[in-house]
Amino acid sequence: MATVRLAPVLRASVGGSKQVSAQGSNLNEILANLYESYPALKEQIQPEGDTLSRYINVYVNDQDVRYLQGLETSIGPGDTVILLPAMAGGR
């Protein structure tokens, strides 16, 4: 199982946990497994259905999946996936 770490803003969708475990051999499978247990996450991570929200950053072992294979990025049993919503600032 992979470890999925969640930013504070996403934790309410998983009962307040900082991290959860998920099964799958790639990011797409990991997310599908998460959505089975925590359906509210889907709207925040993949509201369009088959693509990641442009407002969420996803890292596998500290590497941005946009520079890897996106949803097809391989995930091993000891890997860590980080879900981090993009933050905007300014005045």
Protein backbone atom coordinates (compact mmCIF):
# COMPACT_ATOMS: atom_id res chain seq x y z
CA MET A 1 0.00 0.00 0.00
CA ALA A 2 1.08 3.53 -0.68
CA THR A 3 0.82 6.35 1.84
CA VAL A 4 -1.25 9.35 0.77
CA ARG A 5 -0.51 12.56 2.65
CA LEU A 6 -3.18 15.24 2.61
CA ALA A 7 -2.97 19.00 2.99
CA PRO A 8 -5.04 20.41 5.89
CA VAL A 9 -7.77 21.70 3.56
CA LEU A 10 -8.43 18.12 2.30
CA ARG A 11 -8.40 16.39 5.68
CA ALA A 12 -12.09 16.99 6.44
CA SER A 13 -12.91 14.70 3.49
CA VAL A 14 -11.02 11.82 5.14
CA GLY A 15 -12.22 12.25 8.71
CA GLY A 16 -9.40 14.60 9.71
CA SER A 17 -6.50 12.24 9.00
CA LYS A 18 -3.14 13.66 7.91
CA GLN A 19 -2.46 10.55 5.87
CA VAL A 20 -4.27 7.46 4.65
CA SER A 21 -3.26 4.30 2.80
CA ALA A 22 -4.38 3.35 -0.69
CA GLN A 23 -3.81 0.47 -3.09
CA GLY A 24 -2.89 0.63 -6.73
CA SER A 25 0.00 0.30 -9.15
CA ASN A 26 -0.33 3.79 -10.62
CA LEU A 27 -1.73 7.15 -9.56
CA ASN A 28 -5.04 6.60 -11.33
CA GLU A 29 -5.62 3.36 -9.37
CA ILE A 30 -4.54 4.97 -6.09
CA LEU A 31 -7.03 7.80 -6.57
CA ALA A 32 -9.83 5.40 -7.54
CA ASN A 33 -9.12 3.42 -4.36
CA LEU A 34 -9.23 6.63 -2.31
CA TYR A 35 -12.55 7.68 -3.84
CA GLU A 36 -14.11 4.35 -2.85
CA SER A 37 -13.37 5.09 0.80
CA TYR A 38 -13.63 8.89 0.66
CA PRO A 39 -16.00 9.95 -2.15
CA ALA A 40 -15.84 13.65 -1.21
CA LEU A 41 -12.21 13.80 -2.34
CA LYS A 42 -13.14 13.23 -5.98
CA GLU A 43 -14.80 16.63 -6.32
CA GLN A 44 -11.68 18.32 -5.01
CA ILE A 45 -9.13 16.31 -6.98
CA GLN A 46 -10.83 15.24 -10.22
CA PRO A 47 -14.03 17.25 -10.65
CA GLU A 48 -13.99 16.74 -14.43
CA GLY A 49 -13.80 12.98 -14.02
CA ASP A 50 -10.72 11.84 -15.95
CA THR A 51 -8.20 14.63 -15.38
CA LEU A 52 -6.67 16.19 -12.29
CA SER A 53 -7.97 19.58 -11.26
CA ARG A 54 -5.57 22.30 -12.31
CA TYR A 55 -5.84 23.58 -8.74
CA ILE A 56 -4.31 20.48 -7.17
CA ASN A 57 -0.64 19.56 -7.12
CA VAL A 58 0.16 15.87 -6.85
CA TYR A 59 3.58 14.57 -5.93
CA VAL A 60 4.92 11.02 -5.85
CA ASN A 61 8.01 10.75 -3.67
CA ASP A 62 8.40 14.54 -3.87
CA GLN A 63 8.25 14.62 -7.68
CA ASP A 64 5.45 16.50 -9.44
CA VAL A 65 3.41 14.03 -11.51
CA ARG A 66 3.02 16.64 -14.27
CA TYR A 67 6.70 16.01 -15.04
CA LEU A 68 6.36 12.23 -14.72
CA GLN A 69 3.55 10.26 -16.39
CA GLY A 70 0.58 12.09 -14.86
CA LEU A 71 -2.18 9.71 -13.81
CA GLU A 72 -0.19 6.79 -15.22
CA THR A 73 2.77 7.45 -12.87
CA SER A 74 3.79 4.15 -11.27
CA ILE A 75 3.27 3.80 -7.54
CA GLY A 76 5.06 1.19 -5.45
CA PRO A 77 3.99 -0.18 -2.05
CA GLY A 78 6.38 2.05 -0.10
CA ASP A 79 5.77 5.22 -2.11
CA THR A 80 4.27 8.43 -0.79
CA VAL A 81 1.68 10.44 -2.69
CA ILE A 82 1.09 14.04 -1.59
CA LEU A 83 -2.13 15.88 -2.48
CA LEU A 84 -1.63 19.61 -2.17
CA PRO A 85 -4.14 22.19 -3.41
CA ALA A 86 -2.58 25.16 -5.15
CA MET A 87 -2.64 28.32 -3.08
CA ALA A 88 -3.21 31.75 -4.54
CA GLY A 89 -2.26 34.97 -2.92
CA GLY A 90 -2.10 38.62 -3.49
CA ARG A 91 -4.24 41.58 -2.77
